[in-house]
Protein backbone atom coordinates (compact mmCIF):
# COMPACT_ATOMS: atom_id res chain seq x y z
CA MET A 1 -6.48 21.49 12.63
CA THR A 2 -8.04 24.71 13.39
CA ASP A 3 -6.76 27.78 15.29
CA GLU A 4 -8.30 26.23 18.29
CA THR A 5 -5.80 23.04 18.16
CA PRO A 6 -4.07 22.86 21.29
CA SER A 7 -0.39 23.71 21.02
CA ARG A 8 0.73 20.84 23.14
CA LEU A 9 -0.77 18.78 20.36
CA MET A 10 0.91 20.52 17.61
CA GLU A 11 4.11 20.13 19.17
CA LEU A 12 3.65 16.23 19.50
CA PRO A 13 5.18 14.37 16.45
CA THR A 14 2.94 11.33 17.30
CA TRP A 15 -0.36 13.49 16.76
CA LEU A 16 0.98 15.39 13.74
CA ILE A 17 1.58 11.75 12.27
CA SER A 18 -1.67 10.67 13.12
CA GLN A 19 -3.60 13.53 11.46
CA THR A 20 -1.38 13.35 8.11
CA SER A 21 -2.01 9.43 8.27
CA ALA A 22 -5.94 10.25 8.26
CA GLN A 23 -5.46 12.72 5.55
CA ALA A 24 -3.19 10.22 3.67
CA HIS A 25 -6.04 7.44 4.12
CA ARG A 26 -8.59 9.68 2.97
CA LEU A 27 -7.03 10.75 -0.33
CA LEU A 28 -5.72 6.98 -0.88
CA SER A 29 -9.35 5.72 -0.65
CA GLU A 30 -10.89 8.23 -2.67
CA ALA A 31 -8.29 7.72 -5.47
CA PHE A 32 -8.52 3.75 -5.23
CA ALA A 33 -12.24 3.86 -5.31
CA ALA A 34 -12.41 5.83 -8.41
CA ILE A 35 -10.61 2.94 -9.91
CA ASP A 36 -12.77 0.50 -8.23
CA SER A 37 -9.82 -0.67 -6.27
CA ARG A 38 -8.66 -0.74 -2.67
CA GLY A 39 -5.32 -0.54 -1.00
CA TYR A 40 -4.69 -3.95 -0.51
CA HIS A 41 -4.95 -4.41 -4.18
CA TYR A 42 -2.52 -1.94 -4.91
CA ARG A 43 -0.12 -3.60 -2.28
CA LEU A 44 -0.49 -7.29 -3.75
CA LEU A 45 -0.07 -6.26 -7.27
CA ALA A 46 3.35 -4.20 -6.28
CA ALA A 47 4.36 -7.15 -4.57
CA LEU A 48 3.58 -9.71 -7.63
CA GLU A 49 5.00 -6.91 -10.20
CA GLU A 50 8.23 -6.63 -8.10
CA PHE A 51 9.09 -9.85 -7.16
CA GLY A 52 7.27 -12.08 -9.64
CA PRO A 53 4.98 -15.17 -8.49
CA ALA A 54 4.60 -15.99 -4.74
CA SER A 55 2.62 -18.04 -2.39
CA GLN A 56 -0.26 -16.33 -0.38
CA ALA A 57 1.90 -16.23 2.70
CA THR A 58 4.62 -14.80 1.02
CA LEU A 59 2.49 -12.05 -0.22
CA GLY A 60 1.28 -11.41 3.35
CA ARG A 61 4.42 -11.08 4.56
CA ARG A 62 6.05 -8.80 2.05
CA THR A 63 3.00 -6.49 2.03
CA GLY A 64 1.89 -6.83 5.99
CA ILE A 65 -1.47 -7.83 5.28
CA ASP A 66 -3.15 -10.42 7.70
CA ARG A 67 -3.43 -13.96 6.50
CA SER A 68 -7.34 -13.56 6.22
CA ASP A 69 -7.33 -10.36 4.60
CA VAL A 70 -4.83 -11.55 2.16
CA VAL A 71 -6.98 -14.39 0.83
CA ALA A 72 -10.21 -12.05 0.70
CA ALA A 73 -8.05 -9.46 -1.38
CA LEU A 74 -6.84 -12.29 -3.76
CA ASN A 75 -10.41 -13.81 -4.08
CA ASP A 76 -11.28 -10.14 -4.93
CA LEU A 77 -8.23 -9.88 -7.36
CA ALA A 78 -9.03 -13.06 -8.92
CA ASP A 79 -12.85 -12.57 -9.51
CA ARG A 80 -11.62 -9.49 -11.75
CA GLY A 81 -8.98 -11.41 -13.54
CA LEU A 82 -6.10 -9.51 -12.10
CA ILE A 83 -4.03 -12.26 -10.75
CA GLU A 84 -4.02 -16.51 -11.05
CA ARG A 85 -3.73 -18.88 -8.68
CA SER A 86 -2.18 -22.27 -9.43
CA PRO A 87 -1.07 -25.23 -7.19
CA ASP A 88 2.56 -25.05 -6.28
CA PRO A 89 4.44 -27.79 -7.97
CA SER A 90 6.58 -28.41 -5.23
CA ASP A 91 3.92 -28.20 -2.56
CA ARG A 92 0.27 -29.02 -3.82
CA ARG A 93 -1.10 -27.49 -0.21
CA ARG A 94 -0.13 -24.19 -1.24
CA ASN A 95 -1.16 -21.77 -4.12
CA ILE A 96 1.20 -19.52 -6.31
CA VAL A 97 -0.14 -16.29 -7.17
CA THR A 98 1.00 -14.82 -10.88
CA VAL A 99 -0.43 -11.39 -11.97
CA THR A 100 -2.14 -11.45 -15.07
CA ALA A 101 -1.57 -8.79 -18.05
CA ALA A 102 -5.03 -6.97 -16.74
CA GLY A 103 -3.55 -6.98 -13.22
CA SER A 104 -0.35 -5.23 -14.44
CA GLU A 105 -2.32 -2.62 -16.64
CA ARG A 106 -4.54 -2.06 -13.04
CA PHE A 107 -1.22 -1.86 -11.22
CA ARG A 108 0.11 0.60 -13.64
CA ARG A 109 -3.27 2.76 -13.11
CA LEU A 110 -3.21 2.43 -9.51
CA ASP A 111 0.56 3.57 -9.47
CA LYS A 112 -0.43 6.64 -11.45
CA ALA A 113 -3.17 7.46 -8.98
CA LEU A 114 -0.89 7.18 -6.13
CA ALA A 115 1.38 9.44 -7.23
CA GLY A 116 -1.53 12.02 -7.57
CA VAL A 117 -2.00 11.23 -3.91
CA GLN A 118 1.87 11.89 -3.23
CA ASP A 119 1.53 15.33 -4.74
CA ASP A 120 -1.65 16.28 -3.23
CA LEU A 121 -0.63 15.21 0.23
CA LEU A 122 3.07 16.78 0.17
CA ALA A 123 2.19 19.79 -1.98
CA PRO A 124 3.54 22.47 0.59
CA LEU A 125 7.06 20.34 0.41
CA SER A 126 9.62 20.77 -2.06
CA PRO A 127 11.33 17.51 -3.60
CA ALA A 128 14.34 17.72 -1.47
CA GLU A 129 11.91 18.05 1.75
CA ARG A 130 9.79 15.11 0.48
CA ASP A 131 13.03 12.98 0.11
CA GLN A 132 13.97 13.91 3.40
CA LEU A 133 10.69 13.13 5.06
CA VAL A 134 10.88 9.85 3.41
CA ALA A 135 14.22 9.22 5.04
CA LEU A 136 13.22 10.27 8.39
CA LEU A 137 10.05 8.15 8.48
CA THR A 138 11.79 4.95 7.06
CA ARG A 139 14.47 5.56 9.81
CA VAL A 140 11.52 5.70 12.46
CA LEU A 141 9.92 2.51 10.61
CA ALA A 142 13.20 0.42 10.88
CA HIS A 143 13.74 1.29 14.43
CA HIS A 144 10.40 -0.41 15.29
CA ASN A 145 10.35 -2.96 12.69
CA PRO A 146 13.89 -4.26 12.99
CA GLU A 147 14.77 -7.13 10.40
């Protein structure tokens, strides 16, 4: 934003959210790249850490990642020794994904980097304002993604 940004844009929540999202994406990409990782890695490892082993399809649903992107990201994580895949004993056609000890360690590093990104992005806000922003964004998102 500059002094030449039209005031009509500055009054539009959609424009402000879009601009803030671009800044957040830049900060996240830089922080994750410094750890040789990507956002998909964090999302998948977070789901595995919180919910435990899961099928690839379940991980896709939990993280909002498209099926083909899930497979590519899991291949990358497996190549790095951060997850393991094994046949599902109840259905040999699908794999169960499990986080490894190295994957848990990587997740902790990514989580720490992500906390720094939150602090950078939301630096002008007090802790109470940050909580309020999260609550408001959660309500807007829930309205558009009812489940």
